N, C-alpha and C. Protein backbone atom coordinates (compact mmCIF):
# COMPACT_ATOMS: atom_id res chain seq x y z
N MET A 1 1.17 -10.94 16.70
CA MET A 1 1.04 -8.98 16.86
C MET A 1 0.44 -8.60 16.98
N ASP A 2 -1.02 -8.30 17.78
CA ASP A 2 -1.35 -7.61 18.22
C ASP A 2 -1.92 -6.08 17.83
N ILE A 3 -2.27 -6.17 16.13
CA ILE A 3 -2.68 -4.64 15.59
C ILE A 3 -4.50 -4.25 16.07
N ARG A 4 -4.70 -4.51 17.14
CA ARG A 4 -6.44 -4.23 17.60
C ARG A 4 -6.20 -2.30 16.91
N SER A 5 -5.20 -1.14 17.83
CA SER A 5 -5.28 -0.62 18.12
C SER A 5 -5.04 0.23 16.76
N GLN A 6 -4.68 -0.81 15.39
CA GLN A 6 -4.49 0.07 14.17
C GLN A 6 -5.99 0.42 13.26
N TYR A 7 -5.95 1.49 12.18
CA TYR A 7 -7.42 2.14 11.37
C TYR A 7 -6.95 1.90 10.01
N SER A 8 -8.31 2.69 9.59
CA SER A 8 -7.03 3.48 7.70
C SER A 8 -7.56 5.06 8.75
N LYS A 9 -6.48 5.34 7.18
CA LYS A 9 -6.44 6.64 7.86
C LYS A 9 -6.05 7.20 6.39
N THR A 10 -7.14 8.53 7.25
CA THR A 10 -7.36 9.26 6.09
C THR A 10 -6.03 10.28 4.64
N TYR A 11 -5.79 10.77 3.72
CA TYR A 11 -5.32 11.36 3.67
C TYR A 11 -5.35 13.29 4.39
N GLU A 12 -6.05 13.14 5.14
CA GLU A 12 -6.30 14.27 4.91
C GLU A 12 -5.10 14.20 6.98
N GLN A 13 -5.40 13.60 6.88
CA GLN A 13 -4.19 13.37 7.71
C GLN A 13 -2.54 13.50 8.37
N PHE A 14 -1.93 13.43 6.48
CA PHE A 14 -0.61 13.40 6.17
C PHE A 14 -0.08 14.67 5.43
N ILE A 15 -1.45 15.40 5.10
CA ILE A 15 -0.91 16.38 4.52
C ILE A 15 -0.55 17.56 5.10
N GLY A 16 1.05 18.05 3.63
CA GLY A 16 1.70 18.76 4.82
C GLY A 16 3.53 17.81 5.26
N GLN A 17 3.24 16.76 5.34
CA GLN A 17 4.03 15.36 5.60
C GLN A 17 5.26 15.23 3.72
N PRO A 18 5.88 15.38 4.85
CA PRO A 18 6.74 14.88 2.75
C PRO A 18 7.42 13.02 2.92
N PHE A 19 7.19 12.84 1.36
CA PHE A 19 7.21 11.63 2.05
C PHE A 19 8.41 11.48 0.64
N ASP A 20 8.93 10.26 0.29
CA ASP A 20 10.08 9.78 -0.59
C ASP A 20 8.70 9.23 -1.72
N ALA A 21 8.10 8.15 -1.09
CA ALA A 21 7.06 7.26 -2.04
C ALA A 21 5.37 7.50 -1.92
N VAL A 22 4.55 7.74 -2.93
CA VAL A 22 3.64 6.63 -2.42
C VAL A 22 2.74 6.39 -3.60
N ILE A 23 2.62 5.19 -2.15
CA ILE A 23 2.73 3.79 -3.69
C ILE A 23 0.40 3.18 -3.50
N THR A 24 0.83 3.21 -3.51
CA THR A 24 -1.37 2.73 -3.74
C THR A 24 -1.02 1.14 -4.60
N VAL A 25 -1.87 0.68 -3.92
CA VAL A 25 -2.40 -0.61 -4.38
C VAL A 25 -3.53 -1.42 -4.57
N CYS A 26 -4.18 -0.45 -4.91
CA CYS A 26 -5.63 -0.55 -5.61
C CYS A 26 -5.73 -0.35 -6.69
N ASP A 27 -6.74 -0.24 -7.60
CA ASP A 27 -6.83 0.62 -8.76
C ASP A 27 -7.91 1.04 -8.89
N ASP A 28 -8.18 0.96 -7.58
CA ASP A 28 -9.50 2.97 -7.97
C ASP A 28 -8.60 3.51 -6.88
N ALA A 29 -7.84 3.56 -5.63
CA ALA A 29 -6.92 3.89 -5.32
C ALA A 29 -6.20 4.66 -6.72
N ALA A 30 -5.03 4.11 -7.26
CA ALA A 30 -4.41 4.75 -8.09
C ALA A 30 -5.31 5.60 -9.23
N GLU A 31 -6.12 5.16 -9.16
CA GLU A 31 -7.23 5.86 -10.14
C GLU A 31 -7.72 7.69 -9.50
N THR A 32 -8.01 7.57 -7.78
CA THR A 32 -8.56 9.06 -7.00
C THR A 32 -7.69 9.54 -6.15
N CYS A 33 -6.76 8.43 -5.73
CA CYS A 33 -5.53 8.73 -5.25
C CYS A 33 -4.95 10.26 -5.46
N PRO A 34 -5.14 10.68 -4.47
CA PRO A 34 -4.81 12.77 -4.65
C PRO A 34 -3.64 13.05 -4.54
N VAL A 35 -2.97 13.84 -5.67
CA VAL A 35 -1.87 14.25 -5.51
C VAL A 35 -1.16 15.18 -4.67
N SER A 36 -0.28 15.38 -3.93
CA SER A 36 -0.12 16.31 -2.92
C SER A 36 1.01 17.08 -4.20
N PRO A 37 1.25 18.59 -3.72
CA PRO A 37 2.16 18.92 -3.43
C PRO A 37 3.82 18.68 -3.03
N GLY A 38 4.59 19.15 -3.94
CA GLY A 38 5.55 18.04 -2.98
C GLY A 38 7.09 16.96 -4.28
N SER A 39 8.19 16.83 -4.34
CA SER A 39 8.60 15.86 -4.41
C SER A 39 8.40 14.58 -4.09
N TYR A 40 8.23 13.21 -4.74
CA TYR A 40 7.87 11.72 -4.72
C TYR A 40 7.92 11.53 -5.94
N ARG A 41 8.14 9.70 -5.43
CA ARG A 41 7.84 9.19 -6.58
C ARG A 41 5.97 8.09 -6.43
N ARG A 42 5.28 8.02 -7.26
CA ARG A 42 4.29 7.70 -7.15
C ARG A 42 4.48 6.37 -7.95
N ILE A 43 3.92 5.10 -6.78
CA ILE A 43 3.97 3.83 -7.24
C ILE A 43 2.48 3.24 -7.71
N HIS A 44 2.03 2.51 -8.24
CA HIS A 44 0.98 1.25 -8.27
C HIS A 44 1.81 -0.26 -8.66
N TRP A 45 0.66 -0.79 -6.88
CA TRP A 45 1.21 -2.39 -7.50
C TRP A 45 -0.76 -2.77 -7.24
N SER A 46 -0.87 -3.02 -8.20
CA SER A 46 -2.10 -3.75 -8.09
C SER A 46 -2.48 -4.81 -7.25
N PHE A 47 -3.70 -4.81 -6.86
CA PHE A 47 -3.64 -5.98 -6.18
C PHE A 47 -5.17 -6.68 -6.63
N PRO A 48 -6.19 -7.46 -6.14
CA PRO A 48 -7.39 -7.34 -5.78
C PRO A 48 -7.43 -6.29 -5.17
N ASP A 49 -8.71 -6.33 -4.30
CA ASP A 49 -9.63 -5.53 -3.68
C ASP A 49 -10.00 -6.53 -2.79
N PRO A 50 -9.17 -7.79 -1.66
CA PRO A 50 -10.00 -8.99 -0.82
C PRO A 50 -11.35 -8.34 -0.08
N ALA A 51 -12.00 -7.28 -0.09
CA ALA A 51 -13.42 -7.13 0.57
C ALA A 51 -14.28 -7.21 0.08
N ALA A 52 -13.89 -7.55 -1.72
CA ALA A 52 -14.54 -7.47 -2.31
C ALA A 52 -15.13 -8.73 -2.95
N VAL A 53 -15.13 -9.61 -1.80
CA VAL A 53 -15.02 -11.54 -2.06
C VAL A 53 -15.85 -11.01 -1.05
N ALA A 54 -17.02 -12.31 -1.11
CA ALA A 54 -18.34 -12.34 -0.90
C ALA A 54 -18.63 -12.84 0.02
N ASP A 55 -17.97 -14.86 -0.23
CA ASP A 55 -18.69 -15.80 0.35
C ASP A 55 -17.13 -15.23 1.38
N ASP A 56 -17.34 -15.91 2.35
CA ASP A 56 -16.55 -15.24 4.35
C ASP A 56 -15.07 -16.75 4.31
N GLU A 57 -14.68 -17.62 4.24
CA GLU A 57 -13.82 -18.10 3.94
C GLU A 57 -12.84 -17.51 2.41
N ALA A 58 -13.63 -17.57 0.96
CA ALA A 58 -13.31 -16.87 0.46
C ALA A 58 -12.49 -15.20 0.36
N LYS A 59 -12.89 -14.65 1.36
CA LYS A 59 -12.54 -12.86 1.38
C LYS A 59 -11.73 -12.90 2.20
N LEU A 60 -11.08 -14.16 3.72
CA LEU A 60 -10.63 -14.23 4.27
C LEU A 60 -9.05 -15.25 3.78
N GLN A 61 -9.52 -16.00 2.73
CA GLN A 61 -8.31 -16.32 1.72
C GLN A 61 -7.77 -15.01 0.55
N ALA A 62 -8.64 -14.33 0.65
CA ALA A 62 -8.31 -13.27 -0.32
C ALA A 62 -6.80 -12.11 0.10
N PHE A 63 -7.75 -11.73 1.51
CA PHE A 63 -6.60 -10.87 2.36
C PHE A 63 -5.71 -11.53 2.54
N ARG A 64 -5.53 -12.63 2.97
CA ARG A 64 -4.17 -13.16 2.88
C ARG A 64 -3.12 -13.90 1.82
N SER A 65 -4.21 -13.91 0.28
CA SER A 65 -3.00 -13.15 -0.65
C SER A 65 -2.76 -12.24 -0.73
N VAL A 66 -3.35 -10.86 -0.82
CA VAL A 66 -3.11 -9.79 -0.82
C VAL A 66 -1.53 -9.89 0.12
N ARG A 67 -2.14 -10.10 1.69
CA ARG A 67 -0.72 -9.84 2.53
C ARG A 67 0.11 -10.36 2.37
N ASP A 68 0.12 -11.41 1.42
CA ASP A 68 1.01 -12.16 1.45
C ASP A 68 2.18 -11.87 0.36
N GLY A 69 1.30 -11.09 -0.46
CA GLY A 69 1.80 -10.28 -2.13
C GLY A 69 2.63 -8.92 -1.45
N LEU A 70 1.97 -7.91 -0.90
CA LEU A 70 2.11 -7.59 -0.40
C LEU A 70 3.72 -7.30 1.22
N ILE A 71 3.63 -8.18 0.85
CA ILE A 71 5.49 -8.62 1.94
C ILE A 71 6.11 -8.68 0.86
N GLU A 72 6.01 -9.40 -0.10
CA GLU A 72 7.12 -9.73 -0.74
C GLU A 72 6.82 -8.46 -2.02
N ARG A 73 6.79 -7.90 -1.67
CA ARG A 73 6.81 -6.26 -2.39
C ARG A 73 7.49 -5.52 -1.78
N PHE A 74 7.42 -5.69 -0.64
CA PHE A 74 7.57 -4.70 -0.01
C PHE A 74 9.54 -4.68 0.74
N LYS A 75 8.96 -6.29 0.69
CA LYS A 75 11.13 -6.51 0.49
C LYS A 75 11.50 -6.35 -0.36
N ARG A 76 10.77 -6.91 -1.44
CA ARG A 76 11.71 -6.29 -2.77
C ARG A 76 12.15 -4.99 -2.99
N PHE A 77 11.13 -4.03 -2.52
CA PHE A 77 11.31 -2.15 -2.96
C PHE A 77 12.24 -1.79 -0.95
N ILE A 78 12.19 -2.03 -0.04
CA ILE A 78 13.38 -2.29 0.87
C ILE A 78 14.82 -2.56 -0.06
N GLU A 79 14.41 -3.48 -1.17
CA GLU A 79 16.22 -4.23 -1.48
C GLU A 79 16.46 -3.69 -1.83
N MET A 80 15.81 -2.55 -3.43
CA MET A 80 15.80 -1.98 -4.32
C MET A 80 16.40 -0.69 -3.66
N ASN A 81 15.77 -0.05 -2.41
CA ASN A 81 16.08 1.26 -2.40
C ASN A 81 17.13 0.94 -1.23
N GLN A 82 17.46 -0.23 -0.63
CA GLN A 82 18.33 0.12 -0.23
C GLN A 82 19.99 -0.02 -1.08
N GLU A 83 19.44 -0.30 -2.21
CA GLU A 83 20.91 -0.53 -2.69
C GLU A 83 21.61 0.91 -3.41
N VAL A 84 19.77 1.70 -3.69
CA VAL A 84 20.38 2.82 -4.77
C VAL A 84 20.95 3.62 -3.43
N SER A 85 20.11 3.90 -2.29
CA SER A 85 21.17 4.66 -0.96
C SER A 85 22.29 4.38 -1.25
N HIS A 86 22.99 2.89 -1.02
CA HIS A 86 24.18 3.22 -0.52
C HIS A 86 25.43 2.67 -1.89
N ALA A 87 24.63 3.02 -2.99
CA ALA A 87 25.63 3.57 -4.62
C ALA A 87 25.90 4.89 -3.82
């Protein structure tokens, strides 16, 4: 999968858009994530910051570990929300 066109987006790019949920994945974001107007669920999944790892090989493994953890969390999140929306 080619992700070269992907980039980090700022909060400001999403102002005015409705959300069902806002999910933060690092502890710093959970503490500093701005509060938006509107009704949505705020969810926090604590993952270590892989960018904070110093050694290049260890950093690569840390990113892969977080990626794999996010994949599993999102699978469960989607499954749980499909069950709720079909109830």
